[in-house]
Amino acid sequence: DEGRYCAATITHKATLGYIVECLNKFHD
């Protein structure tokens, strides 16, 4: 609450490999 900076509270972490795996499923 007393932080000097601000941030969006929702972020996501994923590897490049997993990102591409998901995109290929969407493509197909």
mmCIF file of all heavy atoms, coordinates in Angstrom:
data_MODEL
# 
_entry.id   MODEL 
# 
loop_
_atom_site.group_PDB 
_atom_site.id 
_atom_site.type_symbol 
_atom_site.label_atom_id 
_atom_site.label_alt_id 
_atom_site.label_comp_id 
_atom_site.label_asym_id 
_atom_site.label_entity_id 
_atom_site.label_seq_id 
_atom_site.pdbx_PDB_ins_code 
_atom_site.Cartn_x 
_atom_site.Cartn_y 
_atom_site.Cartn_z 
_atom_site.occupancy 
_atom_site.B_iso_or_equiv 
_atom_site.pdbx_formal_charge 
_atom_site.auth_seq_id 
_atom_site.auth_comp_id 
_atom_site.auth_asym_id 
_atom_site.auth_atom_id 
_atom_site.pdbx_PDB_model_num 
ATOM 1   N N   . ASP A 1 1  ? 0.806  -1.220  0.000   1.00 0.00 ? 1  ASP A N   1 
ATOM 2   C CA  . ASP A 1 1  ? 0.000  0.000   0.000   1.00 0.00 ? 1  ASP A CA  1 
ATOM 3   C C   . ASP A 1 1  ? 0.838  1.268   0.000   1.00 0.00 ? 1  ASP A C   1 
ATOM 4   O O   . ASP A 1 1  ? 0.408  2.294   -0.540  1.00 0.00 ? 1  ASP A O   1 
ATOM 5   C CB  . ASP A 1 1  ? -0.940 0.004   1.207   1.00 0.00 ? 1  ASP A CB  1 
ATOM 6   C CG  . ASP A 1 1  ? -2.015 -1.064  1.102   1.00 0.00 ? 1  ASP A CG  1 
ATOM 7   O OD1 . ASP A 1 1  ? -2.256 -1.555  -0.025  1.00 0.00 ? 1  ASP A OD1 1 
ATOM 8   O OD2 . ASP A 1 1  ? -2.604 -1.422  2.149   1.00 0.00 ? 1  ASP A OD2 1 
ATOM 9   N N   . GLU A 1 2  ? 2.018  1.225   0.612   1.00 0.00 ? 2  GLU A N   1 
ATOM 10  C CA  . GLU A 1 2  ? 2.844  2.428   0.726   1.00 0.00 ? 2  GLU A CA  1 
ATOM 11  C C   . GLU A 1 2  ? 3.935  2.478   -0.340  1.00 0.00 ? 2  GLU A C   1 
ATOM 12  O O   . GLU A 1 2  ? 4.865  3.278   -0.231  1.00 0.00 ? 2  GLU A O   1 
ATOM 13  C CB  . GLU A 1 2  ? 3.485  2.474   2.119   1.00 0.00 ? 2  GLU A CB  1 
ATOM 14  C CG  . GLU A 1 2  ? 2.486  2.460   3.270   1.00 0.00 ? 2  GLU A CG  1 
ATOM 15  C CD  . GLU A 1 2  ? 1.493  3.614   3.181   1.00 0.00 ? 2  GLU A CD  1 
ATOM 16  O OE1 . GLU A 1 2  ? 1.921  4.735   2.825   1.00 0.00 ? 2  GLU A OE1 1 
ATOM 17  O OE2 . GLU A 1 2  ? 0.297  3.383   3.457   1.00 0.00 ? 2  GLU A OE2 1 
ATOM 18  N N   . GLY A 1 3  ? 3.837  1.637   -1.358  1.00 0.00 ? 3  GLY A N   1 
ATOM 19  C CA  . GLY A 1 3  ? 4.864  1.579   -2.384  1.00 0.00 ? 3  GLY A CA  1 
ATOM 20  C C   . GLY A 1 3  ? 5.021  2.880   -3.153  1.00 0.00 ? 3  GLY A C   1 
ATOM 21  O O   . GLY A 1 3  ? 4.064  3.624   -3.362  1.00 0.00 ? 3  GLY A O   1 
ATOM 22  N N   . ARG A 1 4  ? 6.241  3.120   -3.590  1.00 0.00 ? 4  ARG A N   1 
ATOM 23  C CA  . ARG A 1 4  ? 6.551  4.339   -4.344  1.00 0.00 ? 4  ARG A CA  1 
ATOM 24  C C   . ARG A 1 4  ? 6.015  4.262   -5.772  1.00 0.00 ? 4  ARG A C   1 
ATOM 25  O O   . ARG A 1 4  ? 5.659  5.277   -6.367  1.00 0.00 ? 4  ARG A O   1 
ATOM 26  C CB  . ARG A 1 4  ? 8.073  4.515   -4.356  1.00 0.00 ? 4  ARG A CB  1 
ATOM 27  C CG  . ARG A 1 4  ? 8.563  5.843   -4.879  1.00 0.00 ? 4  ARG A CG  1 
ATOM 28  C CD  . ARG A 1 4  ? 10.083 5.853   -4.907  1.00 0.00 ? 4  ARG A CD  1 
ATOM 29  N NE  . ARG A 1 4  ? 10.616 7.178   -5.214  1.00 0.00 ? 4  ARG A NE  1 
ATOM 30  C CZ  . ARG A 1 4  ? 11.801 7.403   -5.752  1.00 0.00 ? 4  ARG A CZ  1 
ATOM 31  N NH1 . ARG A 1 4  ? 12.582 6.367   -6.056  1.00 0.00 ? 4  ARG A NH1 1 
ATOM 32  N NH2 . ARG A 1 4  ? 12.220 8.628   -5.985  1.00 0.00 ? 4  ARG A NH2 1 
ATOM 33  N N   . TYR A 1 5  ? 5.943  3.051   -6.293  1.00 0.00 ? 5  TYR A N   1 
ATOM 34  C CA  . TYR A 1 5  ? 5.504  2.835   -7.668  1.00 0.00 ? 5  TYR A CA  1 
ATOM 35  C C   . TYR A 1 5  ? 4.072  2.321   -7.690  1.00 0.00 ? 5  TYR A C   1 
ATOM 36  O O   . TYR A 1 5  ? 3.476  2.032   -6.652  1.00 0.00 ? 5  TYR A O   1 
ATOM 37  C CB  . TYR A 1 5  ? 6.437  1.843   -8.364  1.00 0.00 ? 5  TYR A CB  1 
ATOM 38  C CG  . TYR A 1 5  ? 7.860  2.336   -8.483  1.00 0.00 ? 5  TYR A CG  1 
ATOM 39  C CD1 . TYR A 1 5  ? 8.802  2.032   -7.491  1.00 0.00 ? 5  TYR A CD1 1 
ATOM 40  C CD2 . TYR A 1 5  ? 8.263  3.104   -9.559  1.00 0.00 ? 5  TYR A CD2 1 
ATOM 41  C CE1 . TYR A 1 5  ? 10.108 2.487   -7.583  1.00 0.00 ? 5  TYR A CE1 1 
ATOM 42  C CE2 . TYR A 1 5  ? 9.570  3.561   -9.664  1.00 0.00 ? 5  TYR A CE2 1 
ATOM 43  C CZ  . TYR A 1 5  ? 10.486 3.256   -8.675  1.00 0.00 ? 5  TYR A CZ  1 
ATOM 44  O OH  . TYR A 1 5  ? 11.772 3.704   -8.772  1.00 0.00 ? 5  TYR A OH  1 
ATOM 45  N N   . CYS A 1 6  ? 3.539  2.165   -8.902  1.00 0.00 ? 6  CYS A N   1 
ATOM 46  C CA  . CYS A 1 6  ? 2.212  1.597   -9.088  1.00 0.00 ? 6  CYS A CA  1 
ATOM 47  C C   . CYS A 1 6  ? 2.316  0.383   -10.010 1.00 0.00 ? 6  CYS A C   1 
ATOM 48  O O   . CYS A 1 6  ? 3.282  0.247   -10.764 1.00 0.00 ? 6  CYS A O   1 
ATOM 49  C CB  . CYS A 1 6  ? 1.252  2.619   -9.684  1.00 0.00 ? 6  CYS A CB  1 
ATOM 50  S SG  . CYS A 1 6  ? 0.950  4.060   -8.627  1.00 0.00 ? 6  CYS A SG  1 
ATOM 51  N N   . ALA A 1 7  ? 1.298  -0.469  -9.959  1.00 0.00 ? 7  ALA A N   1 
ATOM 52  C CA  . ALA A 1 7  ? 1.339  -1.687  -10.773 1.00 0.00 ? 7  ALA A CA  1 
ATOM 53  C C   . ALA A 1 7  ? -0.065 -2.173  -11.075 1.00 0.00 ? 7  ALA A C   1 
ATOM 54  O O   . ALA A 1 7  ? -0.989 -2.003  -10.267 1.00 0.00 ? 7  ALA A O   1 
ATOM 55  C CB  . ALA A 1 7  ? 2.111  -2.790  -10.055 1.00 0.00 ? 7  ALA A CB  1 
ATOM 56  N N   . ALA A 1 8  ? -0.216 -2.777  -12.240 1.00 0.00 ? 8  ALA A N   1 
ATOM 57  C CA  . ALA A 1 8  ? -1.418 -3.557  -12.533 1.00 0.00 ? 8  ALA A CA  1 
ATOM 58  C C   . ALA A 1 8  ? -1.280 -4.879  -11.792 1.00 0.00 ? 8  ALA A C   1 
ATOM 59  O O   . ALA A 1 8  ? -0.204 -5.478  -11.765 1.00 0.00 ? 8  ALA A O   1 
ATOM 60  C CB  . ALA A 1 8  ? -1.556 -3.784  -14.034 1.00 0.00 ? 8  ALA A CB  1 
ATOM 61  N N   . THR A 1 9  ? -2.340 -5.331  -11.180 1.00 0.00 ? 9  THR A N   1 
ATOM 62  C CA  . THR A 1 9  ? -2.238 -6.476  -10.268 1.00 0.00 ? 9  THR A CA  1 
ATOM 63  C C   . THR A 1 9  ? -2.288 -7.821  -10.981 1.00 0.00 ? 9  THR A C   1 
ATOM 64  O O   . THR A 1 9  ? -1.933 -8.841  -10.386 1.00 0.00 ? 9  THR A O   1 
ATOM 65  C CB  . THR A 1 9  ? -3.367 -6.432  -9.232  1.00 0.00 ? 9  THR A CB  1 
ATOM 66  O OG1 . THR A 1 9  ? -4.629 -6.427  -9.913  1.00 0.00 ? 9  THR A OG1 1 
ATOM 67  C CG2 . THR A 1 9  ? -3.256 -5.172  -8.377  1.00 0.00 ? 9  THR A CG2 1 
ATOM 68  N N   . ILE A 1 10 ? -2.733 -7.843  -12.235 1.00 0.00 ? 10 ILE A N   1 
ATOM 69  C CA  . ILE A 1 10 ? -2.892 -9.124  -12.941 1.00 0.00 ? 10 ILE A CA  1 
ATOM 70  C C   . ILE A 1 10 ? -1.894 -9.216  -14.086 1.00 0.00 ? 10 ILE A C   1 
ATOM 71  O O   . ILE A 1 10 ? -1.997 -8.487  -15.079 1.00 0.00 ? 10 ILE A O   1 
ATOM 72  C CB  . ILE A 1 10 ? -4.321 -9.293  -13.493 1.00 0.00 ? 10 ILE A CB  1 
ATOM 73  C CG1 . ILE A 1 10 ? -5.344 -9.213  -12.362 1.00 0.00 ? 10 ILE A CG1 1 
ATOM 74  C CG2 . ILE A 1 10 ? -4.448 -10.620 -14.235 1.00 0.00 ? 10 ILE A CG2 1 
ATOM 75  C CD1 . ILE A 1 10 ? -6.779 -9.219  -12.841 1.00 0.00 ? 10 ILE A CD1 1 
ATOM 76  N N   . THR A 1 11 ? -0.907 -10.074 -13.940 1.00 0.00 ? 11 THR A N   1 
ATOM 77  C CA  . THR A 1 11 ? 0.015  -10.385 -15.027 1.00 0.00 ? 11 THR A CA  1 
ATOM 78  C C   . THR A 1 11 ? 0.098  -11.903 -15.158 1.00 0.00 ? 11 THR A C   1 
ATOM 79  O O   . THR A 1 11 ? -0.375 -12.644 -14.286 1.00 0.00 ? 11 THR A O   1 
ATOM 80  C CB  . THR A 1 11 ? 1.424  -9.810  -14.793 1.00 0.00 ? 11 THR A CB  1 
ATOM 81  O OG1 . THR A 1 11 ? 1.986  -10.407 -13.613 1.00 0.00 ? 11 THR A OG1 1 
ATOM 82  C CG2 . THR A 1 11 ? 1.379  -8.289  -14.635 1.00 0.00 ? 11 THR A CG2 1 
ATOM 83  N N   . HIS A 1 12 ? 0.688  -12.361 -16.246 1.00 0.00 ? 12 HIS A N   1 
ATOM 84  C CA  . HIS A 1 12 ? 0.794  -13.797 -16.500 1.00 0.00 ? 12 HIS A CA  1 
ATOM 85  C C   . HIS A 1 12 ? 2.213  -14.129 -16.930 1.00 0.00 ? 12 HIS A C   1 
ATOM 86  O O   . HIS A 1 12 ? 2.848  -13.346 -17.655 1.00 0.00 ? 12 HIS A O   1 
ATOM 87  C CB  . HIS A 1 12 ? -0.182 -14.226 -17.595 1.00 0.00 ? 12 HIS A CB  1 
ATOM 88  C CG  . HIS A 1 12 ? -1.618 -13.954 -17.269 1.00 0.00 ? 12 HIS A CG  1 
ATOM 89  N ND1 . HIS A 1 12 ? -2.428 -14.871 -16.644 1.00 0.00 ? 12 HIS A ND1 1 
ATOM 90  C CD2 . HIS A 1 12 ? -2.381 -12.848 -17.478 1.00 0.00 ? 12 HIS A CD2 1 
ATOM 91  C CE1 . HIS A 1 12 ? -3.634 -14.356 -16.481 1.00 0.00 ? 12 HIS A CE1 1 
ATOM 92  N NE2 . HIS A 1 12 ? -3.627 -13.131 -16.979 1.00 0.00 ? 12 HIS A NE2 1 
ATOM 93  N N   . LYS A 1 13 ? 2.699  -15.296 -16.509 1.00 0.00 ? 13 LYS A N   1 
ATOM 94  C CA  . LYS A 1 13 ? 4.021  -15.761 -16.909 1.00 0.00 ? 13 LYS A CA  1 
ATOM 95  C C   . LYS A 1 13 ? 3.877  -17.051 -17.709 1.00 0.00 ? 13 LYS A C   1 
ATOM 96  O O   . LYS A 1 13 ? 3.110  -17.942 -17.337 1.00 0.00 ? 13 LYS A O   1 
ATOM 97  C CB  . LYS A 1 13 ? 4.916  -15.986 -15.693 1.00 0.00 ? 13 LYS A CB  1 
ATOM 98  C CG  . LYS A 1 13 ? 5.290  -14.701 -14.962 1.00 0.00 ? 13 LYS A CG  1 
ATOM 99  C CD  . LYS A 1 13 ? 6.209  -14.986 -13.784 1.00 0.00 ? 13 LYS A CD  1 
ATOM 100 C CE  . LYS A 1 13 ? 6.605  -13.688 -13.075 1.00 0.00 ? 13 LYS A CE  1 
ATOM 101 N NZ  . LYS A 1 13 ? 7.508  -13.943 -11.927 1.00 0.00 ? 13 LYS A NZ  1 
ATOM 102 N N   . ALA A 1 14 ? 4.620  -17.140 -18.797 1.00 0.00 ? 14 ALA A N   1 
ATOM 103 C CA  . ALA A 1 14 ? 4.601  -18.345 -19.628 1.00 0.00 ? 14 ALA A CA  1 
ATOM 104 C C   . ALA A 1 14 ? 5.889  -18.397 -20.432 1.00 0.00 ? 14 ALA A C   1 
ATOM 105 O O   . ALA A 1 14 ? 6.491  -17.362 -20.737 1.00 0.00 ? 14 ALA A O   1 
ATOM 106 C CB  . ALA A 1 14 ? 3.395  -18.350 -20.563 1.00 0.00 ? 14 ALA A CB  1 
ATOM 107 N N   . THR A 1 15 ? 6.306  -19.599 -20.773 1.00 0.00 ? 15 THR A N   1 
ATOM 108 C CA  . THR A 1 15 ? 7.503  -19.739 -21.598 1.00 0.00 ? 15 THR A CA  1 
ATOM 109 C C   . THR A 1 15 ? 7.154  -19.522 -23.061 1.00 0.00 ? 15 THR A C   1 
ATOM 110 O O   . THR A 1 15 ? 5.994  -19.680 -23.480 1.00 0.00 ? 15 THR A O   1 
ATOM 111 C CB  . THR A 1 15 ? 8.121  -21.138 -21.442 1.00 0.00 ? 15 THR A CB  1 
ATOM 112 O OG1 . THR A 1 15 ? 7.189  -22.118 -21.941 1.00 0.00 ? 15 THR A OG1 1 
ATOM 113 C CG2 . THR A 1 15 ? 8.460  -21.428 -19.987 1.00 0.00 ? 15 THR A CG2 1 
ATOM 114 N N   . LEU A 1 16 ? 8.172  -19.183 -23.844 1.00 0.00 ? 16 LEU A N   1 
ATOM 115 C CA  . LEU A 1 16 ? 7.963  -19.013 -25.277 1.00 0.00 ? 16 LEU A CA  1 
ATOM 116 C C   . LEU A 1 16 ? 7.431  -20.305 -25.896 1.00 0.00 ? 16 LEU A C   1 
ATOM 117 O O   . LEU A 1 16 ? 6.565  -20.278 -26.778 1.00 0.00 ? 16 LEU A O   1 
ATOM 118 C CB  . LEU A 1 16 ? 9.275  -18.616 -25.955 1.00 0.00 ? 16 LEU A CB  1 
ATOM 119 C CG  . LEU A 1 16 ? 9.859  -17.250 -25.590 1.00 0.00 ? 16 LEU A CG  1 
ATOM 120 C CD1 . LEU A 1 16 ? 11.173 -17.031 -26.333 1.00 0.00 ? 16 LEU A CD1 1 
ATOM 121 C CD2 . LEU A 1 16 ? 8.882  -16.127 -25.912 1.00 0.00 ? 16 LEU A CD2 1 
ATOM 122 N N   . GLY A 1 17 ? 7.944  -21.442 -25.431 1.00 0.00 ? 17 GLY A N   1 
ATOM 123 C CA  . GLY A 1 17 ? 7.487  -22.720 -25.959 1.00 0.00 ? 17 GLY A CA  1 
ATOM 124 C C   . GLY A 1 17 ? 6.014  -22.947 -25.718 1.00 0.00 ? 17 GLY A C   1 
ATOM 125 O O   . GLY A 1 17 ? 5.286  -23.409 -26.612 1.00 0.00 ? 17 GLY A O   1 
ATOM 126 N N   . TYR A 1 18 ? 5.543  -22.611 -24.507 1.00 0.00 ? 18 TYR A N   1 
ATOM 127 C CA  . TYR A 1 18 ? 4.128  -22.807 -24.199 1.00 0.00 ? 18 TYR A CA  1 
ATOM 128 C C   . TYR A 1 18 ? 3.260  -21.834 -24.983 1.00 0.00 ? 18 TYR A C   1 
ATOM 129 O O   . TYR A 1 18 ? 2.167  -22.204 -25.448 1.00 0.00 ? 18 TYR A O   1 
ATOM 130 C CB  . TYR A 1 18 ? 3.880  -22.632 -22.701 1.00 0.00 ? 18 TYR A CB  1 
ATOM 131 C CG  . TYR A 1 18 ? 2.438  -22.872 -22.320 1.00 0.00 ? 18 TYR A CG  1 
ATOM 132 C CD1 . TYR A 1 18 ? 1.901  -24.151 -22.396 1.00 0.00 ? 18 TYR A CD1 1 
ATOM 133 C CD2 . TYR A 1 18 ? 1.620  -21.824 -21.915 1.00 0.00 ? 18 TYR A CD2 1 
ATOM 134 C CE1 . TYR A 1 18 ? 0.569  -24.383 -22.068 1.00 0.00 ? 18 TYR A CE1 1 
ATOM 135 C CE2 . TYR A 1 18 ? 0.294  -22.047 -21.583 1.00 0.00 ? 18 TYR A CE2 1 
ATOM 136 C CZ  . TYR A 1 18 ? -0.229 -23.329 -21.664 1.00 0.00 ? 18 TYR A CZ  1 
ATOM 137 O OH  . TYR A 1 18 ? -1.547 -23.552 -21.353 1.00 0.00 ? 18 TYR A OH  1 
ATOM 138 N N   . ILE A 1 19 ? 3.720  -20.609 -25.145 1.00 0.00 ? 19 ILE A N   1 
ATOM 139 C CA  . ILE A 1 19 ? 2.972  -19.622 -25.929 1.00 0.00 ? 19 ILE A CA  1 
ATOM 140 C C   . ILE A 1 19 ? 2.758  -20.135 -27.347 1.00 0.00 ? 19 ILE A C   1 
ATOM 141 O O   . ILE A 1 19 ? 1.637  -20.096 -27.880 1.00 0.00 ? 19 ILE A O   1 
ATOM 142 C CB  . ILE A 1 19 ? 3.710  -18.268 -25.942 1.00 0.00 ? 19 ILE A CB  1 
ATOM 143 C CG1 . ILE A 1 19 ? 3.713  -17.650 -24.543 1.00 0.00 ? 19 ILE A CG1 1 
ATOM 144 C CG2 . ILE A 1 19 ? 3.082  -17.309 -26.945 1.00 0.00 ? 19 ILE A CG2 1 
ATOM 145 C CD1 . ILE A 1 19 ? 4.656  -16.473 -24.381 1.00 0.00 ? 19 ILE A CD1 1 
ATOM 146 N N   . VAL A 1 20 ? 3.815  -20.638 -27.972 1.00 0.00 ? 20 VAL A N   1 
ATOM 147 C CA  . VAL A 1 20 ? 3.715  -21.143 -29.342 1.00 0.00 ? 20 VAL A CA  1 
ATOM 148 C C   . VAL A 1 20 ? 2.824  -22.382 -29.393 1.00 0.00 ? 20 VAL A C   1 
ATOM 149 O O   . VAL A 1 20 ? 2.029  -22.554 -30.331 1.00 0.00 ? 20 VAL A O   1 
ATOM 150 C CB  . VAL A 1 20 ? 5.117  -21.445 -29.901 1.00 0.00 ? 20 VAL A CB  1 
ATOM 151 C CG1 . VAL A 1 20 ? 5.028  -22.165 -31.242 1.00 0.00 ? 20 VAL A CG1 1 
ATOM 152 C CG2 . VAL A 1 20 ? 5.911  -20.143 -30.051 1.00 0.00 ? 20 VAL A CG2 1 
ATOM 153 N N   . GLU A 1 21 ? 2.918  -23.241 -28.376 1.00 0.00 ? 21 GLU A N   1 
ATOM 154 C CA  . GLU A 1 21 ? 2.056  -24.427 -28.320 1.00 0.00 ? 21 GLU A CA  1 
ATOM 155 C C   . GLU A 1 21 ? 0.579  -24.022 -28.309 1.00 0.00 ? 21 GLU A C   1 
ATOM 156 O O   . GLU A 1 21 ? -0.251 -24.598 -29.026 1.00 0.00 ? 21 GLU A O   1 
ATOM 157 C CB  . GLU A 1 21 ? 2.388  -25.243 -27.066 1.00 0.00 ? 21 GLU A CB  1 
ATOM 158 C CG  . GLU A 1 21 ? 1.514  -26.472 -26.859 1.00 0.00 ? 21 GLU A CG  1 
ATOM 159 C CD  . GLU A 1 21 ? 1.797  -27.152 -25.531 1.00 0.00 ? 21 GLU A CD  1 
ATOM 160 O OE1 . GLU A 1 21 ? 2.949  -27.038 -25.029 1.00 0.00 ? 21 GLU A OE1 1 
ATOM 161 O OE2 . GLU A 1 21 ? 0.888  -27.802 -24.988 1.00 0.00 ? 21 GLU A OE2 1 
ATOM 162 N N   . CYS A 1 22 ? 0.248  -23.023 -27.497 1.00 0.00 ? 22 CYS A N   1 
ATOM 163 C CA  . CYS A 1 22 ? -1.138 -22.530 -27.448 1.00 0.00 ? 22 CYS A CA  1 
ATOM 164 C C   . CYS A 1 22 ? -1.562 -21.949 -28.792 1.00 0.00 ? 22 CYS A C   1 
ATOM 165 O O   . CYS A 1 22 ? -2.664 -22.243 -29.291 1.00 0.00 ? 22 CYS A O   1 
ATOM 166 C CB  . CYS A 1 22 ? -1.278 -21.466 -26.358 1.00 0.00 ? 22 CYS A CB  1 
ATOM 167 S SG  . CYS A 1 22 ? -1.172 -22.070 -24.672 1.00 0.00 ? 22 CYS A SG  1 
ATOM 168 N N   . LEU A 1 23 ? -0.708 -21.141 -29.369 1.00 0.00 ? 23 LEU A N   1 
ATOM 169 C CA  . LEU A 1 23 ? -1.055 -20.489 -30.635 1.00 0.00 ? 23 LEU A CA  1 
ATOM 170 C C   . LEU A 1 23 ? -1.271 -21.514 -31.746 1.00 0.00 ? 23 LEU A C   1 
ATOM 171 O O   . LEU A 1 23 ? -2.150 -21.333 -32.599 1.00 0.00 ? 23 LEU A O   1 
ATOM 172 C CB  . LEU A 1 23 ? 0.031  -19.488 -31.028 1.00 0.00 ? 23 LEU A CB  1 
ATOM 173 C CG  . LEU A 1 23 ? 0.160  -18.266 -30.118 1.00 0.00 ? 23 LEU A CG  1 
ATOM 174 C CD1 . LEU A 1 23 ? 1.353  -17.410 -30.532 1.00 0.00 ? 23 LEU A CD1 1 
ATOM 175 C CD2 . LEU A 1 23 ? -1.111 -17.431 -30.128 1.00 0.00 ? 23 LEU A CD2 1 
ATOM 176 N N   . ASN A 1 24 ? -0.511 -22.577 -31.747 1.00 0.00 ? 24 ASN A N   1 
ATOM 177 C CA  . ASN A 1 24 ? -0.699 -23.613 -32.764 1.00 0.00 ? 24 ASN A CA  1 
ATOM 178 C C   . ASN A 1 24 ? -2.049 -24.314 -32.588 1.00 0.00 ? 24 ASN A C   1 
ATOM 179 O O   . ASN A 1 24 ? -2.703 -24.673 -33.576 1.00 0.00 ? 24 ASN A O   1 
ATOM 180 C CB  . ASN A 1 24 ? 0.443  -24.627 -32.718 1.00 0.00 ? 24 ASN A CB  1 
ATOM 181 C CG  . ASN A 1 24 ? 1.715  -24.090 -33.359 1.00 0.00 ? 24 ASN A CG  1 
ATOM 182 O OD1 . ASN A 1 24 ? 1.662  -23.304 -34.311 1.00 0.00 ? 24 ASN A OD1 1 
ATOM 183 N ND2 . ASN A 1 24 ? 2.870  -24.496 -32.847 1.00 0.00 ? 24 ASN A ND2 1 
ATOM 184 N N   . LYS A 1 25 ? -2.485 -24.500 -31.351 1.00 0.00 ? 25 LYS A N   1 
ATOM 185 C CA  . LYS A 1 25 ? -3.813 -25.079 -31.102 1.00 0.00 ? 25 LYS A CA  1 
ATOM 186 C C   . LYS A 1 25 ? -4.901 -24.136 -31.611 1.00 0.00 ? 25 LYS A C   1 
ATOM 187 O O   . LYS A 1 25 ? -5.889 -24.583 -32.217 1.00 0.00 ? 25 LYS A O   1 
ATOM 188 C CB  . LYS A 1 25 ? -4.009 -25.348 -29.608 1.00 0.00 ? 25 LYS A CB  1 
ATOM 189 C CG  . LYS A 1 25 ? -3.196 -26.509 -29.067 1.00 0.00 ? 25 LYS A CG  1 
ATOM 190 C CD  . LYS A 1 25 ? -3.457 -26.695 -27.582 1.00 0.00 ? 25 LYS A CD  1 
ATOM 191 C CE  . LYS A 1 25 ? -2.624 -27.835 -27.008 1.00 0.00 ? 25 LYS A CE  1 
ATOM 192 N NZ  . LYS A 1 25 ? -2.854 -28.003 -25.543 1.00 0.00 ? 25 LYS A NZ  1 
ATOM 193 N N   . PHE A 1 26 ? -4.728 -22.846 -31.358 1.00 0.00 ? 26 PHE A N   1 
ATOM 194 C CA  . PHE A 1 26 ? -5.714 -21.879 -31.844 1.00 0.00 ? 26 PHE A CA  1 
ATOM 195 C C   . PHE A 1 26 ? -5.755 -21.896 -33.375 1.00 0.00 ? 26 PHE A C   1 
ATOM 196 O O   . PHE A 1 26 ? -6.833 -21.847 -33.982 1.00 0.00 ? 26 PHE A O   1 
ATOM 197 C CB  . PHE A 1 26 ? -5.378 -20.470 -31.354 1.00 0.00 ? 26 PHE A CB  1 
ATOM 198 C CG  . PHE A 1 26 ? -5.218 -20.336 -29.861 1.00 0.00 ? 26 PHE A CG  1 
ATOM 199 C CD1 . PHE A 1 26 ? -4.454 -19.302 -29.326 1.00 0.00 ? 26 PHE A CD1 1 
ATOM 200 C CD2 . PHE A 1 26 ? -5.823 -21.232 -28.983 1.00 0.00 ? 26 PHE A CD2 1 
ATOM 201 C CE1 . PHE A 1 26 ? -4.297 -19.162 -27.954 1.00 0.00 ? 26 PHE A CE1 1 
ATOM 202 C CE2 . PHE A 1 26 ? -5.672 -21.101 -27.602 1.00 0.00 ? 26 PHE A CE2 1 
ATOM 203 C CZ  . PHE A 1 26 ? -4.903 -20.066 -27.096 1.00 0.00 ? 26 PHE A CZ  1 
ATOM 204 N N   . HIS A 1 27 ? -4.576 -21.963 -33.976 1.00 0.00 ? 27 HIS A N   1 
ATOM 205 C CA  . HIS A 1 27 ? -4.474 -21.977 -35.435 1.00 0.00 ? 27 HIS A CA  1 
ATOM 206 C C   . HIS A 1 27 ? -5.204 -23.184 -36.023 1.00 0.00 ? 27 HIS A C   1 
ATOM 207 O O   . HIS A 1 27 ? -5.863 -23.090 -37.070 1.00 0.00 ? 27 HIS A O   1 
ATOM 208 C CB  . HIS A 1 27 ? -2.994 -22.007 -35.836 1.00 0.00 ? 27 HIS A CB  1 
ATOM 209 C CG  . HIS A 1 27 ? -2.748 -22.216 -37.294 1.00 0.00 ? 27 HIS A CG  1 
ATOM 210 N ND1 . HIS A 1 27 ? -2.685 -23.472 -37.868 1.00 0.00 ? 27 HIS A ND1 1 
ATOM 211 C CD2 . HIS A 1 27 ? -2.551 -21.324 -38.311 1.00 0.00 ? 27 HIS A CD2 1 
ATOM 212 C CE1 . HIS A 1 27 ? -2.472 -23.358 -39.173 1.00 0.00 ? 27 HIS A CE1 1 
ATOM 213 N NE2 . HIS A 1 27 ? -2.377 -22.068 -39.454 1.00 0.00 ? 27 HIS A NE2 1 
ATOM 214 N N   . ASP A 1 28 ? -5.105 -24.334 -35.349 1.00 0.00 ? 28 ASP A N   1 
ATOM 215 C CA  . ASP A 1 28 ? -5.658 -25.572 -35.889 1.00 0.00 ? 28 ASP A CA  1 
ATOM 216 C C   . ASP A 1 28 ? -7.130 -25.762 -35.566 1.00 0.00 ? 28 ASP A C   1 
ATOM 217 O O   . ASP A 1 28 ? -7.762 -26.705 -36.071 1.00 0.00 ? 28 ASP A O   1 
ATOM 218 C CB  . ASP A 1 28 ? -4.871 -26.771 -35.346 1.00 0.00 ? 28 ASP A CB  1 
ATOM 219 C CG  . ASP A 1 28 ? -3.431 -26.789 -35.849 1.00 0.00 ? 28 ASP A CG  1 
ATOM 220 O OD1 . ASP A 1 28 ? -3.134 -26.098 -36.841 1.00 0.00 ? 28 ASP A OD1 1 
ATOM 221 O OD2 . ASP A 1 28 ? -2.600 -27.491 -35.223 1.00 0.00 ? 28 ASP A OD2 1 
# 
